[in-house]
């Protein structure tokens, strides 16, 4: 072993130097940036930027489930139906929740065959159940089962 070290001491020294350089680089790259708080113009402590936002009560965001207007239905409210699928369904004559809610397995297979790369979405995203809830105006049931948005 000593003979091996004696014969290759320069290579081992270079490898050790490279190892230290890589370790130093890794530790230097992981340092956190130091943030200093700027003093106020009058010199009395830290600046009070955005203090109104800090002191304000938190905003309350209320999300509601989509609700179709009476007599009309926007089938894009069904989870999994985007603009392209909505256009394809319109070409096939499907434009209301009631139509989708009335689908049986044969009708699902017939429509699914025309959806191309979107085939399988009807069952996977459970469009029929979504359409039944939306057609009935059950926005609470829709939100509970499929979420708000």
N, C-alpha and C. Protein backbone atom coordinates (compact mmCIF):
# COMPACT_ATOMS: atom_id res chain seq x y z
N UNK A 1 0.82 -1.19 0.00
CA UNK A 1 0.00 0.00 0.00
C UNK A 1 0.87 1.25 0.00
N UNK A 2 1.91 1.25 0.81
CA UNK A 2 2.80 2.40 0.89
C UNK A 2 3.49 2.63 -0.46
N UNK A 3 3.80 1.55 -1.15
CA UNK A 3 4.44 1.68 -2.46
C UNK A 3 3.48 2.30 -3.47
N UNK A 4 2.20 1.95 -3.37
CA UNK A 4 1.18 2.49 -4.26
C UNK A 4 1.03 4.00 -4.02
N UNK A 5 1.01 4.41 -2.77
CA UNK A 5 0.90 5.83 -2.43
C UNK A 5 2.14 6.57 -2.91
N UNK A 6 3.33 5.98 -2.69
CA UNK A 6 4.58 6.62 -3.12
C UNK A 6 4.63 6.80 -4.62
N UNK A 7 4.12 5.83 -5.36
CA UNK A 7 4.17 5.89 -6.82
C UNK A 7 3.14 6.88 -7.38
N UNK A 8 2.04 7.10 -6.68
CA UNK A 8 0.96 7.94 -7.21
C UNK A 8 0.64 9.13 -6.30
N UNK A 9 1.59 9.66 -5.57
CA UNK A 9 1.32 10.72 -4.60
C UNK A 9 0.85 12.01 -5.28
N UNK A 10 1.33 12.28 -6.49
CA UNK A 10 0.91 13.50 -7.19
C UNK A 10 -0.57 13.39 -7.58
N UNK A 11 -0.96 12.26 -8.10
CA UNK A 11 -2.36 12.06 -8.48
C UNK A 11 -3.29 12.13 -7.28
N UNK A 12 -2.87 11.52 -6.15
CA UNK A 12 -3.67 11.58 -4.93
C UNK A 12 -3.78 13.01 -4.41
N UNK A 13 -2.70 13.77 -4.49
CA UNK A 13 -2.72 15.17 -4.05
C UNK A 13 -3.67 16.00 -4.92
N UNK A 14 -3.66 15.77 -6.23
CA UNK A 14 -4.56 16.49 -7.14
C UNK A 14 -6.01 16.10 -6.86
N UNK A 15 -6.28 14.82 -6.65
CA UNK A 15 -7.63 14.36 -6.34
C UNK A 15 -8.12 14.97 -5.03
N UNK A 16 -7.25 15.06 -4.03
CA UNK A 16 -7.62 15.66 -2.75
C UNK A 16 -7.94 17.15 -2.93
N UNK A 17 -7.13 17.85 -3.74
CA UNK A 17 -7.38 19.28 -3.99
C UNK A 17 -8.71 19.48 -4.72
N UNK A 18 -9.00 18.62 -5.69
CA UNK A 18 -10.27 18.71 -6.42
C UNK A 18 -11.43 18.44 -5.46
N UNK A 19 -11.29 17.47 -4.59
CA UNK A 19 -12.33 17.15 -3.61
C UNK A 19 -12.61 18.33 -2.69
N UNK A 20 -11.55 18.99 -2.20
CA UNK A 20 -11.75 20.18 -1.36
C UNK A 20 -12.42 21.30 -2.14
N UNK A 21 -12.03 21.49 -3.40
CA UNK A 21 -12.63 22.55 -4.22
C UNK A 21 -14.12 22.29 -4.44
N UNK A 22 -14.49 21.05 -4.73
CA UNK A 22 -15.89 20.71 -4.94
C UNK A 22 -16.68 20.88 -3.65
N UNK A 23 -16.13 20.46 -2.52
CA UNK A 23 -16.82 20.60 -1.23
C UNK A 23 -17.00 22.08 -0.90
N UNK A 24 -15.99 22.88 -1.12
CA UNK A 24 -16.11 24.33 -0.85
C UNK A 24 -17.18 24.94 -1.75
N UNK A 25 -17.20 24.55 -3.01
CA UNK A 25 -18.20 25.09 -3.94
C UNK A 25 -19.61 24.71 -3.51
N UNK A 26 -19.80 23.46 -3.09
CA UNK A 26 -21.12 23.02 -2.64
C UNK A 26 -21.58 23.80 -1.41
N UNK A 27 -20.70 23.97 -0.45
CA UNK A 27 -21.08 24.71 0.75
C UNK A 27 -21.31 26.18 0.45
N UNK A 28 -20.52 26.76 -0.42
CA UNK A 28 -20.68 28.17 -0.77
C UNK A 28 -21.96 28.39 -1.55
N UNK A 29 -22.37 27.44 -2.38
CA UNK A 29 -23.58 27.59 -3.19
C UNK A 29 -24.83 27.47 -2.33
N UNK A 30 -24.75 26.82 -1.19
CA UNK A 30 -25.92 26.61 -0.34
C UNK A 30 -26.11 27.70 0.71
N UNK A 31 -25.28 28.70 0.73
CA UNK A 31 -25.43 29.77 1.72
C UNK A 31 -26.69 30.56 1.45
N UNK A 32 -27.36 30.94 2.51
CA UNK A 32 -28.57 31.75 2.39
C UNK A 32 -28.18 33.22 2.23
N UNK A 33 -29.00 33.95 1.49
CA UNK A 33 -28.78 35.37 1.33
C UNK A 33 -29.20 36.08 2.60
N UNK A 34 -28.39 37.00 3.04
CA UNK A 34 -28.68 37.74 4.26
C UNK A 34 -29.56 38.93 3.92
N UNK A 35 -30.64 39.10 4.67
CA UNK A 35 -31.57 40.19 4.45
C UNK A 35 -31.44 41.17 5.60
N UNK A 36 -31.25 42.43 5.25
CA UNK A 36 -31.18 43.46 6.28
C UNK A 36 -32.40 44.36 6.15
N UNK A 37 -33.00 44.71 7.27
CA UNK A 37 -34.16 45.57 7.26
C UNK A 37 -33.68 47.01 7.20
N UNK A 38 -34.20 47.74 6.22
CA UNK A 38 -33.81 49.14 6.06
C UNK A 38 -34.45 49.99 7.15
N UNK A 39 -33.71 50.93 7.71
CA UNK A 39 -34.31 51.79 8.74
C UNK A 39 -35.29 52.77 8.12
N UNK A 40 -36.25 53.25 8.95
CA UNK A 40 -37.18 54.27 8.49
C UNK A 40 -36.40 55.55 8.25
N UNK A 41 -36.99 56.44 7.51
CA UNK A 41 -36.33 57.70 7.20
C UNK A 41 -36.02 58.51 8.45
N UNK A 42 -36.89 58.41 9.46
CA UNK A 42 -36.64 59.20 10.67
C UNK A 42 -35.71 58.47 11.64
N UNK A 43 -35.31 57.25 11.30
CA UNK A 43 -34.32 56.53 12.09
C UNK A 43 -34.87 55.79 13.29
N UNK A 44 -36.19 55.69 13.46
CA UNK A 44 -36.78 55.02 14.62
C UNK A 44 -37.10 53.56 14.32
N UNK A 45 -36.15 52.71 14.19
CA UNK A 45 -36.40 51.29 14.00
C UNK A 45 -36.61 50.90 12.55
N UNK A 46 -37.09 49.68 12.35
CA UNK A 46 -37.24 49.18 10.98
C UNK A 46 -38.37 49.87 10.22
N UNK A 47 -38.27 49.82 8.91
CA UNK A 47 -39.28 50.42 8.05
C UNK A 47 -40.60 49.66 8.20
N UNK A 48 -41.69 50.36 8.08
CA UNK A 48 -43.01 49.75 8.24
C UNK A 48 -43.70 49.63 6.89
N UNK A 49 -43.00 49.04 5.93
CA UNK A 49 -43.59 48.85 4.60
C UNK A 49 -44.77 47.92 4.69
N UNK A 50 -45.79 48.24 3.95
CA UNK A 50 -46.99 47.41 3.86
C UNK A 50 -47.64 47.14 5.21
N UNK A 51 -47.48 48.05 6.14
CA UNK A 51 -48.05 47.85 7.47
C UNK A 51 -49.57 47.73 7.42
N UNK A 52 -50.19 48.44 6.48
CA UNK A 52 -51.64 48.34 6.36
C UNK A 52 -52.05 46.92 5.98
N UNK A 53 -51.26 46.28 5.12
CA UNK A 53 -51.56 44.90 4.74
C UNK A 53 -51.31 43.93 5.89
N UNK A 54 -50.29 44.22 6.67
CA UNK A 54 -49.97 43.35 7.79
C UNK A 54 -51.06 43.43 8.85
N UNK A 55 -51.56 44.65 9.12
CA UNK A 55 -52.55 44.85 10.16
C UNK A 55 -53.97 44.49 9.72
N UNK A 56 -54.22 44.41 8.42
CA UNK A 56 -55.57 44.16 7.92
C UNK A 56 -56.00 42.74 8.26
N UNK A 57 -57.30 42.58 8.43
CA UNK A 57 -57.86 41.25 8.67
C UNK A 57 -57.69 40.40 7.41
N UNK A 58 -57.50 39.11 7.55
CA UNK A 58 -57.33 38.27 6.37
C UNK A 58 -58.58 38.27 5.49
N UNK A 59 -58.34 38.24 4.20
CA UNK A 59 -59.45 38.23 3.25
C UNK A 59 -60.12 36.86 3.28
N UNK A 60 -61.42 36.85 3.16
CA UNK A 60 -62.17 35.60 3.13
C UNK A 60 -62.62 35.37 1.70
N UNK A 61 -62.24 34.23 1.15
CA UNK A 61 -62.61 33.88 -0.20
C UNK A 61 -63.65 32.78 -0.14
N UNK A 62 -64.80 33.05 -0.70
CA UNK A 62 -65.88 32.07 -0.71
C UNK A 62 -66.05 31.58 -2.13
N UNK A 63 -65.84 30.30 -2.32
CA UNK A 63 -66.02 29.72 -3.64
C UNK A 63 -67.33 28.96 -3.65
N UNK A 64 -68.06 29.14 -4.70
CA UNK A 64 -69.31 28.42 -4.84
C UNK A 64 -69.23 27.51 -6.03
N UNK A 65 -70.01 26.49 -6.01
CA UNK A 65 -70.04 25.56 -7.13
C UNK A 65 -70.70 26.23 -8.32
N UNK A 66 -70.34 25.81 -9.52
CA UNK A 66 -70.96 26.39 -10.69
C UNK A 66 -72.46 26.12 -10.72
N UNK A 67 -73.20 27.12 -11.08
CA UNK A 67 -74.65 26.98 -11.14
C UNK A 67 -75.12 27.40 -12.52
N UNK A 68 -75.74 26.51 -13.27
CA UNK A 68 -76.23 26.90 -14.58
C UNK A 68 -77.47 27.77 -14.44
N UNK A 69 -77.63 28.67 -15.38
CA UNK A 69 -78.84 29.49 -15.36
C UNK A 69 -80.01 28.64 -15.84
N UNK A 70 -81.19 29.03 -15.43
CA UNK A 70 -82.39 28.25 -15.77
C UNK A 70 -82.57 28.19 -17.28
N UNK A 71 -82.79 26.99 -17.79
CA UNK A 71 -83.05 26.81 -19.21
C UNK A 71 -81.80 26.69 -20.05
N UNK A 72 -80.66 27.04 -19.51
CA UNK A 72 -79.43 26.95 -20.29
C UNK A 72 -78.43 26.12 -19.50
N UNK A 73 -77.52 25.48 -20.21
CA UNK A 73 -76.47 24.75 -19.52
C UNK A 73 -75.18 24.89 -20.31
N UNK A 74 -74.14 25.15 -19.58
CA UNK A 74 -72.82 25.28 -20.17
C UNK A 74 -72.08 23.99 -19.83
N UNK A 75 -72.01 23.06 -20.77
CA UNK A 75 -71.43 21.75 -20.47
C UNK A 75 -69.95 21.83 -20.12
N UNK A 76 -69.33 23.01 -20.30
CA UNK A 76 -67.94 23.18 -19.88
C UNK A 76 -67.83 23.19 -18.35
N UNK A 77 -68.96 23.32 -17.63
CA UNK A 77 -68.93 23.24 -16.17
C UNK A 77 -68.65 21.83 -15.69
N UNK A 78 -68.83 20.84 -16.55
CA UNK A 78 -68.53 19.46 -16.19
C UNK A 78 -67.01 19.30 -16.15
N UNK A 79 -66.53 18.76 -15.05
CA UNK A 79 -65.08 18.55 -14.89
C UNK A 79 -64.59 17.61 -15.98
N UNK A 80 -63.58 18.03 -16.70
CA UNK A 80 -63.02 17.22 -17.77
C UNK A 80 -63.49 17.67 -19.14
N UNK A 81 -64.41 18.61 -19.22
CA UNK A 81 -64.88 19.12 -20.51
C UNK A 81 -64.32 20.52 -20.70
N UNK A 82 -63.38 20.64 -21.61
CA UNK A 82 -62.81 21.93 -21.94
C UNK A 82 -63.38 22.44 -23.24
N UNK A 83 -62.81 23.52 -23.77
CA UNK A 83 -63.34 24.11 -25.00
C UNK A 83 -63.32 23.16 -26.20
N UNK A 84 -62.27 22.38 -26.34
CA UNK A 84 -62.18 21.46 -27.48
C UNK A 84 -63.24 20.36 -27.39
N UNK A 85 -63.38 19.78 -26.21
CA UNK A 85 -64.41 18.75 -26.04
C UNK A 85 -65.80 19.35 -26.18
N UNK A 86 -66.00 20.55 -25.69
CA UNK A 86 -67.30 21.19 -25.82
C UNK A 86 -67.65 21.38 -27.29
N UNK A 87 -66.65 21.78 -28.10
CA UNK A 87 -66.88 21.94 -29.54
C UNK A 87 -67.19 20.60 -30.20
N UNK A 88 -66.43 19.55 -29.81
CA UNK A 88 -66.69 18.23 -30.38
C UNK A 88 -68.08 17.73 -30.01
N UNK A 89 -68.47 17.93 -28.76
CA UNK A 89 -69.79 17.50 -28.33
C UNK A 89 -70.88 18.28 -29.05
N UNK A 90 -70.66 19.57 -29.25
CA UNK A 90 -71.65 20.38 -29.98
C UNK A 90 -71.79 19.88 -31.40
N UNK A 91 -70.68 19.47 -32.03
CA UNK A 91 -70.75 18.90 -33.38
C UNK A 91 -71.56 17.60 -33.41
N UNK A 92 -71.55 16.90 -32.28
CA UNK A 92 -72.31 15.66 -32.18
C UNK A 92 -73.75 15.92 -31.70
N UNK A 93 -74.09 17.19 -31.46
CA UNK A 93 -75.45 17.54 -31.05
C UNK A 93 -75.67 17.53 -29.55
N UNK A 94 -74.60 17.43 -28.76
CA UNK A 94 -74.72 17.39 -27.31
C UNK A 94 -74.43 18.79 -26.78
N UNK A 95 -75.45 19.44 -26.22
CA UNK A 95 -75.26 20.82 -25.75
C UNK A 95 -75.84 21.08 -24.37
N UNK A 96 -76.53 20.10 -23.77
CA UNK A 96 -77.15 20.35 -22.47
C UNK A 96 -76.77 19.27 -21.47
N UNK A 97 -76.91 19.64 -20.19
CA UNK A 97 -76.68 18.68 -19.11
C UNK A 97 -77.68 17.53 -19.19
N UNK A 98 -78.92 17.86 -19.53
CA UNK A 98 -79.97 16.84 -19.58
C UNK A 98 -79.64 15.75 -20.58
N UNK A 99 -79.05 16.12 -21.72
CA UNK A 99 -78.66 15.10 -22.71
C UNK A 99 -77.62 14.16 -22.12
N UNK A 100 -76.61 14.72 -21.48
CA UNK A 100 -75.53 13.88 -20.92
C UNK A 100 -76.07 13.06 -19.75
N UNK A 101 -76.93 13.65 -18.93
CA UNK A 101 -77.49 12.93 -17.78
C UNK A 101 -78.32 11.73 -18.22
N UNK A 102 -78.88 11.76 -19.42
CA UNK A 102 -79.74 10.67 -19.91
C UNK A 102 -78.94 9.56 -20.61
N UNK A 103 -77.64 9.70 -20.74
CA UNK A 103 -76.84 8.70 -21.45
C UNK A 103 -76.86 7.36 -20.72
N UNK A 104 -76.96 6.27 -21.51
CA UNK A 104 -76.77 4.93 -20.99
C UNK A 104 -75.42 4.43 -21.52
N UNK A 105 -75.07 3.19 -21.22
CA UNK A 105 -73.76 2.67 -21.63
C UNK A 105 -73.59 2.67 -23.15
N UNK A 106 -74.64 2.35 -23.88
CA UNK A 106 -74.54 2.32 -25.35
C UNK A 106 -74.29 3.72 -25.90
N UNK A 107 -74.98 4.71 -25.36
CA UNK A 107 -74.80 6.09 -25.82
C UNK A 107 -73.41 6.60 -25.45
N UNK A 108 -72.93 6.24 -24.26
CA UNK A 108 -71.58 6.63 -23.86
C UNK A 108 -70.57 6.05 -24.84
N UNK A 109 -70.72 4.77 -25.18
CA UNK A 109 -69.80 4.13 -26.13
C UNK A 109 -69.87 4.81 -27.50
N UNK A 110 -71.09 5.17 -27.95
CA UNK A 110 -71.25 5.81 -29.25
C UNK A 110 -70.55 7.19 -29.28
N UNK A 111 -70.75 7.98 -28.24
CA UNK A 111 -70.14 9.31 -28.18
C UNK A 111 -68.62 9.18 -28.00
N UNK A 112 -68.22 8.26 -27.15
CA UNK A 112 -66.80 8.05 -26.85
C UNK A 112 -66.01 7.70 -28.11
N UNK A 113 -66.64 6.97 -29.01
CA UNK A 113 -65.97 6.57 -30.26
C UNK A 113 -65.65 7.79 -31.14
N UNK A 114 -66.35 8.90 -30.93
CA UNK A 114 -66.13 10.10 -31.74
C UNK A 114 -65.19 11.10 -31.08
N UNK A 115 -64.70 10.80 -29.88
CA UNK A 115 -63.90 11.78 -29.14
C UNK A 115 -62.41 11.71 -29.43
N UNK A 116 -61.97 10.75 -30.23
CA UNK A 116 -60.56 10.68 -30.61
C UNK A 116 -59.64 10.53 -29.41
N UNK A 117 -58.70 11.46 -29.26
CA UNK A 117 -57.72 11.35 -28.17
C UNK A 117 -58.34 11.56 -26.79
N UNK A 118 -59.58 12.03 -26.75
CA UNK A 118 -60.27 12.22 -25.48
C UNK A 118 -61.12 11.00 -25.10
N UNK A 119 -61.00 9.93 -25.85
CA UNK A 119 -61.79 8.72 -25.58
C UNK A 119 -61.52 8.23 -24.16
N UNK A 120 -62.57 7.81 -23.49
CA UNK A 120 -62.45 7.31 -22.13
C UNK A 120 -62.72 8.35 -21.06
N UNK A 121 -62.78 9.63 -21.44
CA UNK A 121 -62.97 10.69 -20.46
C UNK A 121 -64.37 10.65 -19.83
N UNK A 122 -65.35 10.19 -20.58
CA UNK A 122 -66.73 10.21 -20.09
C UNK A 122 -66.85 9.39 -18.80
N UNK A 123 -66.33 8.17 -18.83
CA UNK A 123 -66.42 7.31 -17.65
C UNK A 123 -65.39 7.71 -16.60
N UNK A 124 -64.18 8.04 -17.04
CA UNK A 124 -63.11 8.38 -16.11
C UNK A 124 -63.47 9.61 -15.26
N UNK A 125 -64.08 10.62 -15.89
CA UNK A 125 -64.44 11.85 -15.17
C UNK A 125 -65.88 11.84 -14.68
N UNK A 126 -66.60 10.75 -14.93
CA UNK A 126 -67.96 10.57 -14.45
C UNK A 126 -68.89 11.70 -14.89
N UNK A 127 -68.92 11.96 -16.19
CA UNK A 127 -69.71 13.05 -16.75
C UNK A 127 -71.19 12.89 -16.48
N UNK A 128 -71.69 11.65 -16.53
CA UNK A 128 -73.14 11.44 -16.40
C UNK A 128 -73.61 11.88 -15.02
N UNK A 129 -72.89 11.49 -13.99
CA UNK A 129 -73.29 11.89 -12.63
C UNK A 129 -73.14 13.40 -12.45
N UNK A 130 -72.05 13.97 -12.99
CA UNK A 130 -71.89 15.43 -12.91
C UNK A 130 -73.06 16.14 -13.59
N UNK A 131 -73.43 15.65 -14.78
CA UNK A 131 -74.51 16.28 -15.53
C UNK A 131 -75.84 16.14 -14.80
N UNK A 132 -76.07 15.01 -14.13
CA UNK A 132 -77.32 14.84 -13.37
C UNK A 132 -77.42 15.87 -12.24
N UNK A 133 -76.32 16.05 -11.53
CA UNK A 133 -76.33 17.03 -10.44
C UNK A 133 -76.51 18.45 -10.97
N UNK A 134 -75.80 18.78 -12.05
CA UNK A 134 -75.92 20.13 -12.61
C UNK A 134 -77.28 20.37 -13.23
N UNK A 135 -77.85 19.36 -13.89
CA UNK A 135 -79.17 19.51 -14.50
C UNK A 135 -80.24 19.70 -13.43
N UNK A 136 -80.05 19.07 -12.28
CA UNK A 136 -81.01 19.20 -11.19
C UNK A 136 -80.80 20.50 -10.41
N UNK A 137 -79.72 21.22 -10.71
CA UNK A 137 -79.43 22.46 -9.98
C UNK A 137 -78.87 22.22 -8.59
N UNK A 138 -78.36 21.02 -8.34
CA UNK A 138 -77.82 20.66 -7.03
C UNK A 138 -76.35 21.08 -6.95
N UNK A 139 -76.13 22.38 -6.80
CA UNK A 139 -74.76 22.88 -6.76
C UNK A 139 -74.03 22.43 -5.50
N UNK A 140 -74.74 22.27 -4.38
CA UNK A 140 -74.11 21.80 -3.14
C UNK A 140 -73.66 20.35 -3.30
N UNK A 141 -74.49 19.52 -3.89
CA UNK A 141 -74.11 18.13 -4.13
C UNK A 141 -72.96 18.02 -5.11
N UNK A 142 -72.99 18.87 -6.14
CA UNK A 142 -71.90 18.88 -7.12
C UNK A 142 -70.59 19.28 -6.44
N UNK A 143 -70.64 20.33 -5.62
CA UNK A 143 -69.43 20.80 -4.93
C UNK A 143 -68.92 19.76 -3.97
N UNK A 144 -69.83 19.07 -3.26
CA UNK A 144 -69.40 18.06 -2.30
C UNK A 144 -68.72 16.88 -2.99
N UNK A 145 -69.24 16.49 -4.14
CA UNK A 145 -68.70 15.30 -4.82
C UNK A 145 -67.52 15.62 -5.74
N UNK A 146 -67.59 16.76 -6.43
CA UNK A 146 -66.60 17.06 -7.48
C UNK A 146 -65.76 18.30 -7.20
N UNK A 147 -66.00 19.02 -6.13
CA UNK A 147 -65.22 20.20 -5.79
C UNK A 147 -65.79 21.46 -6.42
N UNK A 148 -65.17 22.57 -6.03
CA UNK A 148 -65.67 23.88 -6.46
C UNK A 148 -65.06 24.35 -7.76
N UNK A 149 -63.86 23.98 -8.03
CA UNK A 149 -63.33 24.66 -9.17
C UNK A 149 -62.26 24.03 -9.88
